């Protein structure tokens, strides 16, 4: 079973102008590198918080209908299909999401593979301010310290950034 991103995120997490305003950068020469730092900060925060910020399309593939949307906020299913033992692709129309789990009205028995296409994400304008602020601070830190420190120093998070992220973190114990 796998869930893969199958579409581009919709909207802007942090716009370049906002990040540049914080960094006090008034020229365009570094726009590409600053945008890459914004993207890296967003990726990092999504992993740490265990969620998806911008609405994005995903495709689940597996051998059964066991799909949990726990880390995929505002999930909306576009399609549910399965392939039977004869190789026929069949669309499922009676499905819903109940308690973050895909639920079918009737579960087929002759299932070889399952594909579920869905969108999920908080939405570009719905990310908590503490996380967008943390992302700007992370991107600014990467930009300001990009050539001067060792790897450990360069990517160490400040106390303030850690405090902004802390309420949203997801911890896994294994």
C-alpha atoms as a PDB file:
ATOM      1  CA  UNK A   1       0.000   0.000   0.000  1.00  0.00           C
ATOM      2  CA  UNK A   2       1.265   3.437  -0.897  1.00  0.00           C
ATOM      3  CA  UNK A   3       0.063   6.995  -0.986  1.00  0.00           C
ATOM      4  CA  UNK A   4       1.853   9.187  -3.507  1.00  0.00           C
ATOM      5  CA  UNK A   5       1.426  12.817  -4.411  1.00  0.00           C
ATOM      6  CA  UNK A   6      -0.109  12.845  -7.880  1.00  0.00           C
ATOM      7  CA  UNK A   7      -0.797  16.553  -8.348  1.00  0.00           C
ATOM      8  CA  UNK A   8       0.799  19.889  -7.623  1.00  0.00           C
ATOM      9  CA  UNK A   9      -0.116  21.727  -4.428  1.00  0.00           C
ATOM     10  CA  UNK A  10      -2.688  24.475  -4.943  1.00  0.00           C
ATOM     11  CA  UNK A  11      -2.020  28.001  -3.740  1.00  0.00           C
ATOM     12  CA  UNK A  12       0.932  29.611  -2.054  1.00  0.00           C
ATOM     13  CA  UNK A  13       2.140  28.638   1.404  1.00  0.00           C
ATOM     14  CA  UNK A  14       4.314  31.722   1.877  1.00  0.00           C
ATOM     15  CA  UNK A  15       4.759  34.145  -0.952  1.00  0.00           C
ATOM     16  CA  UNK A  16       8.215  35.234  -1.963  1.00  0.00           C
ATOM     17  CA  UNK A  17       7.454  38.914  -1.295  1.00  0.00           C
ATOM     18  CA  UNK A  18       6.516  38.196   2.339  1.00  0.00           C
ATOM     19  CA  UNK A  19       9.694  36.209   2.942  1.00  0.00           C
ATOM     20  CA  UNK A  20      11.833  38.875   1.270  1.00  0.00           C
ATOM     21  CA  UNK A  21      10.185  41.587   3.374  1.00  0.00           C
ATOM     22  CA  UNK A  22      11.160  39.686   6.529  1.00  0.00           C
ATOM     23  CA  UNK A  23      14.691  39.145   5.191  1.00  0.00           C
ATOM     24  CA  UNK A  24      14.966  42.783   4.076  1.00  0.00           C
ATOM     25  CA  UNK A  25      15.948  41.704   0.567  1.00  0.00           C
ATOM     26  CA  UNK A  26      15.074  44.344  -2.013  1.00  0.00           C
ATOM     27  CA  UNK A  27      16.663  42.837  -5.122  1.00  0.00           C
ATOM     28  CA  UNK A  28      15.624  39.899  -7.310  1.00  0.00           C
ATOM     29  CA  UNK A  29      18.983  38.166  -7.804  1.00  0.00           C
ATOM     30  CA  UNK A  30      18.349  35.665  -4.990  1.00  0.00           C
ATOM     31  CA  UNK A  31      14.644  34.990  -5.644  1.00  0.00           C
ATOM     32  CA  UNK A  32      15.249  31.418  -6.812  1.00  0.00           C
ATOM     33  CA  UNK A  33      17.338  30.449  -3.788  1.00  0.00           C
ATOM     34  CA  UNK A  34      14.938  32.155  -1.368  1.00  0.00           C
ATOM     35  CA  UNK A  35      12.009  30.278  -2.936  1.00  0.00           C
ATOM     36  CA  UNK A  36      13.911  27.000  -2.538  1.00  0.00           C
ATOM     37  CA  UNK A  37      14.397  27.783   1.174  1.00  0.00           C
ATOM     38  CA  UNK A  38      10.660  28.510   1.527  1.00  0.00           C
ATOM     39  CA  UNK A  39       9.876  25.183  -0.168  1.00  0.00           C
ATOM     40  CA  UNK A  40      12.364  23.342   2.073  1.00  0.00           C
ATOM     41  CA  UNK A  41      10.852  24.931   5.190  1.00  0.00           C
ATOM     42  CA  UNK A  42       7.355  23.894   4.085  1.00  0.00           C
ATOM     43  CA  UNK A  43       8.510  20.313   3.415  1.00  0.00           C
ATOM     44  CA  UNK A  44      10.240  20.150   6.798  1.00  0.00           C
ATOM     45  CA  UNK A  45       7.223  21.480   8.699  1.00  0.00           C
ATOM     46  CA  UNK A  46       4.814  19.136   6.932  1.00  0.00           C
ATOM     47  CA  UNK A  47       6.978  16.169   7.968  1.00  0.00           C
ATOM     48  CA  UNK A  48       7.397  17.372  11.564  1.00  0.00           C
ATOM     49  CA  UNK A  49       3.696  18.167  11.940  1.00  0.00           C
ATOM     50  CA  UNK A  50       2.525  15.072  10.075  1.00  0.00           C
ATOM     51  CA  UNK A  51       0.082  16.935   7.868  1.00  0.00           C
ATOM     52  CA  UNK A  52      -0.397  18.505   4.449  1.00  0.00           C
ATOM     53  CA  UNK A  53      -0.589  22.300   4.257  1.00  0.00           C
ATOM     54  CA  UNK A  54      -1.660  23.134   0.706  1.00  0.00           C
ATOM     55  CA  UNK A  55      -4.489  21.238  -0.964  1.00  0.00           C
ATOM     56  CA  UNK A  56      -2.832  18.541  -3.064  1.00  0.00           C
ATOM     57  CA  UNK A  57      -3.966  15.513  -5.061  1.00  0.00           C
ATOM     58  CA  UNK A  58      -2.813  12.095  -3.859  1.00  0.00           C
ATOM     59  CA  UNK A  59      -3.227   8.566  -5.207  1.00  0.00           C
ATOM     60  CA  UNK A  60      -3.493   5.552  -2.936  1.00  0.00           C
ATOM     61  CA  UNK A  61      -2.713   2.129  -4.390  1.00  0.00           C
ATOM     62  CA  UNK A  62      -3.058  -1.132  -2.539  1.00  0.00           C
ATOM     63  CA  UNK A  63      -4.640  -4.549  -2.468  1.00  0.00           C
ATOM     64  CA  UNK A  64      -7.570  -3.654  -0.203  1.00  0.00           C
ATOM     65  CA  UNK A  65      -9.724  -0.696   0.796  1.00  0.00           C
ATOM     66  CA  UNK A  66      -7.963  -0.034   4.122  1.00  0.00           C
ATOM     67  CA  UNK A  67      -7.172   3.663   3.801  1.00  0.00           C
ATOM     68  CA  UNK A  68      -6.815   6.060   6.726  1.00  0.00           C
ATOM     69  CA  UNK A  69      -6.849   9.826   6.120  1.00  0.00           C
ATOM     70  CA  UNK A  70      -5.528  10.723   9.597  1.00  0.00           C
ATOM     71  CA  UNK A  71      -2.641  12.903   8.359  1.00  0.00           C
ATOM     72  CA  UNK A  72      -4.567  14.209   5.356  1.00  0.00           C
ATOM     73  CA  UNK A  73      -6.855  17.021   6.563  1.00  0.00           C
ATOM     74  CA  UNK A  74     -10.001  17.943   4.641  1.00  0.00           C
ATOM     75  CA  UNK A  75      -9.742  14.817   2.506  1.00  0.00           C
ATOM     76  CA  UNK A  76     -12.113  14.677  -0.447  1.00  0.00           C
ATOM     77  CA  UNK A  77     -12.237  11.561  -2.599  1.00  0.00           C
ATOM     78  CA  UNK A  78     -12.305  12.011  -6.371  1.00  0.00           C
ATOM     79  CA  UNK A  79     -12.528   8.345  -7.340  1.00  0.00           C
ATOM     80  CA  UNK A  80     -12.381   4.817  -5.962  1.00  0.00           C
ATOM     81  CA  UNK A  81     -11.661   1.994  -8.387  1.00  0.00           C
ATOM     82  CA  UNK A  82     -10.494  -1.574  -8.130  1.00  0.00           C
ATOM     83  CA  UNK A  83      -9.329  -4.255 -10.502  1.00  0.00           C
ATOM     84  CA  UNK A  84     -10.866  -7.698 -10.177  1.00  0.00           C
ATOM     85  CA  UNK A  85      -9.211 -11.069 -10.863  1.00  0.00           C
ATOM     86  CA  UNK A  86     -10.241 -10.879 -14.540  1.00  0.00           C
ATOM     87  CA  UNK A  87      -8.464  -7.546 -14.981  1.00  0.00           C
ATOM     88  CA  UNK A  88     -11.604  -5.432 -15.217  1.00  0.00           C
ATOM     89  CA  UNK A  89     -11.457  -1.964 -13.652  1.00  0.00           C
ATOM     90  CA  UNK A  90     -14.589  -1.229 -11.646  1.00  0.00           C
ATOM     91  CA  UNK A  91     -15.618   2.115 -10.147  1.00  0.00           C
ATOM     92  CA  UNK A  92     -17.037   2.253  -6.646  1.00  0.00           C
ATOM     93  CA  UNK A  93     -19.671   4.941  -6.146  1.00  0.00           C
ATOM     94  CA  UNK A  94     -21.028   4.304  -2.638  1.00  0.00           C
ATOM     95  CA  UNK A  95     -18.193   5.389  -0.356  1.00  0.00           C
ATOM     96  CA  UNK A  96     -17.585   7.919   2.391  1.00  0.00           C
ATOM     97  CA  UNK A  97     -14.983   8.937   4.920  1.00  0.00           C
ATOM     98  CA  UNK A  98     -16.011   8.045   8.478  1.00  0.00           C
ATOM     99  CA  UNK A  99     -13.658   8.868  11.367  1.00  0.00           C
ATOM    100  CA  UNK A 100     -10.806   9.449   8.869  1.00  0.00           C
ATOM    101  CA  UNK A 101     -11.241   5.983   7.309  1.00  0.00           C
ATOM    102  CA  UNK A 102     -12.500   5.067   3.839  1.00  0.00           C
ATOM    103  CA  UNK A 103     -15.822   3.304   4.257  1.00  0.00           C
ATOM    104  CA  UNK A 104     -17.675   1.462   1.488  1.00  0.00           C
ATOM    105  CA  UNK A 105     -21.381   0.707   1.602  1.00  0.00           C
ATOM    106  CA  UNK A 106     -20.622  -2.735   0.153  1.00  0.00           C
ATOM    107  CA  UNK A 107     -17.092  -4.094   0.042  1.00  0.00           C
ATOM    108  CA  UNK A 108     -16.298  -6.117  -3.093  1.00  0.00           C
ATOM    109  CA  UNK A 109     -14.790  -9.572  -2.570  1.00  0.00           C
ATOM    110  CA  UNK A 110     -12.940 -10.152  -5.868  1.00  0.00           C
ATOM    111  CA  UNK A 111     -10.260  -7.456  -5.485  1.00  0.00           C
ATOM    112  CA  UNK A 112      -6.754  -7.628  -6.929  1.00  0.00           C
ATOM    113  CA  UNK A 113      -5.801  -3.947  -6.631  1.00  0.00           C
ATOM    114  CA  UNK A 114      -7.358  -0.718  -5.386  1.00  0.00           C
ATOM    115  CA  UNK A 115      -6.789   2.890  -6.475  1.00  0.00           C
ATOM    116  CA  UNK A 116      -8.180   5.883  -4.610  1.00  0.00           C
ATOM    117  CA  UNK A 117      -7.597   9.412  -5.870  1.00  0.00           C
ATOM    118  CA  UNK A 118      -8.213  12.170  -3.335  1.00  0.00           C
ATOM    119  CA  UNK A 119      -7.288  15.716  -2.429  1.00  0.00           C
ATOM    120  CA  UNK A 120      -6.253  16.798   1.039  1.00  0.00           C
ATOM    121  CA  UNK A 121      -4.652  19.695   2.833  1.00  0.00           C
ATOM    122  CA  UNK A 122      -5.388  22.484   5.255  1.00  0.00           C
ATOM    123  CA  UNK A 123      -5.609  24.919   2.340  1.00  0.00           C
ATOM    124  CA  UNK A 124      -3.089  27.644   1.596  1.00  0.00           C
ATOM    125  CA  UNK A 125      -4.866  30.274   3.700  1.00  0.00           C
ATOM    126  CA  UNK A 126      -5.647  27.962   6.627  1.00  0.00           C
ATOM    127  CA  UNK A 127      -2.175  27.075   7.892  1.00  0.00           C
ATOM    128  CA  UNK A 128      -1.783  28.314  11.498  1.00  0.00           C
ATOM    129  CA  UNK A 129       0.090  31.612  11.756  1.00  0.00           C
ATOM    130  CA  UNK A 130       2.630  30.041  14.108  1.00  0.00           C
ATOM    131  CA  UNK A 131       3.648  27.592  11.353  1.00  0.00           C
ATOM    132  CA  UNK A 132       3.870  30.184   8.587  1.00  0.00           C
ATOM    133  CA  UNK A 133       5.970  32.352  10.916  1.00  0.00           C
ATOM    134  CA  UNK A 134       8.192  29.369  11.726  1.00  0.00           C
ATOM    135  CA  UNK A 135       8.618  28.679   8.000  1.00  0.00           C
ATOM    136  CA  UNK A 136       9.633  32.285   7.328  1.00  0.00           C
ATOM    137  CA  UNK A 137      12.148  32.146  10.182  1.00  0.00           C
ATOM    138  CA  UNK A 138      13.562  28.826   8.950  1.00  0.00           C
ATOM    139  CA  UNK A 139      13.854  30.110   5.364  1.00  0.00           C
ATOM    140  CA  UNK A 140      15.436  33.368   6.575  1.00  0.00           C
ATOM    141  CA  UNK A 141      17.904  31.436   8.716  1.00  0.00           C
ATOM    142  CA  UNK A 142      18.895  29.254   5.763  1.00  0.00           C
ATOM    143  CA  UNK A 143      19.318  32.331   3.575  1.00  0.00           C
ATOM    144  CA  UNK A 144      21.323  34.331   6.119  1.00  0.00           C
ATOM    145  CA  UNK A 145      23.548  31.421   7.169  1.00  0.00           C
ATOM    146  CA  UNK A 146      23.897  29.682   3.807  1.00  0.00           C
ATOM    147  CA  UNK A 147      27.680  29.760   3.541  1.00  0.00           C
ATOM    148  CA  UNK A 148      29.090  30.524   6.963  1.00  0.00           C
ATOM    149  CA  UNK A 149      28.415  27.594   9.296  1.00  0.00           C
ATOM    150  CA  UNK A 150      28.915  23.873   9.530  1.00  0.00           C
ATOM    151  CA  UNK A 151      25.993  21.640   8.578  1.00  0.00           C
ATOM    152  CA  UNK A 152      24.944  21.121  12.218  1.00  0.00           C
ATOM    153  CA  UNK A 153      25.005  24.844  12.980  1.00  0.00           C
ATOM    154  CA  UNK A 154      23.340  25.775   9.709  1.00  0.00           C
ATOM    155  CA  UNK A 155      20.254  23.652  10.236  1.00  0.00           C
ATOM    156  CA  UNK A 156      19.824  24.001  13.998  1.00  0.00           C
ATOM    157  CA  UNK A 157      16.436  25.511  14.832  1.00  0.00           C
ATOM    158  CA  UNK A 158      16.258  28.479  17.162  1.00  0.00           C
ATOM    159  CA  UNK A 159      14.354  28.242  20.426  1.00  0.00           C
ATOM    160  CA  UNK A 160      11.659  30.560  19.030  1.00  0.00           C
ATOM    161  CA  UNK A 161      11.092  28.381  15.965  1.00  0.00           C
ATOM    162  CA  UNK A 162      10.886  25.259  18.139  1.00  0.00           C
ATOM    163  CA  UNK A 163       8.277  26.969  20.330  1.00  0.00           C
ATOM    164  CA  UNK A 164       6.191  27.936  17.288  1.00  0.00           C
ATOM    165  CA  UNK A 165       6.251  24.364  15.974  1.00  0.00           C
ATOM    166  CA  UNK A 166       5.807  22.495  19.282  1.00  0.00           C
ATOM    167  CA  UNK A 167       1.989  22.551  19.537  1.00  0.00           C
ATOM    168  CA  UNK A 168       1.655  21.123  16.018  1.00  0.00           C
ATOM    169  CA  UNK A 169       4.285  18.365  16.155  1.00  0.00           C
ATOM    170  CA  UNK A 170       3.436  14.726  15.695  1.00  0.00           C
ATOM    171  CA  UNK A 171       5.514  12.277  17.683  1.00  0.00           C
ATOM    172  CA  UNK A 172       5.940   8.633  16.723  1.00  0.00           C
ATOM    173  CA  UNK A 173       7.102   6.041  19.183  1.00  0.00           C
ATOM    174  CA  UNK A 174       8.244   2.698  17.986  1.00  0.00           C
END
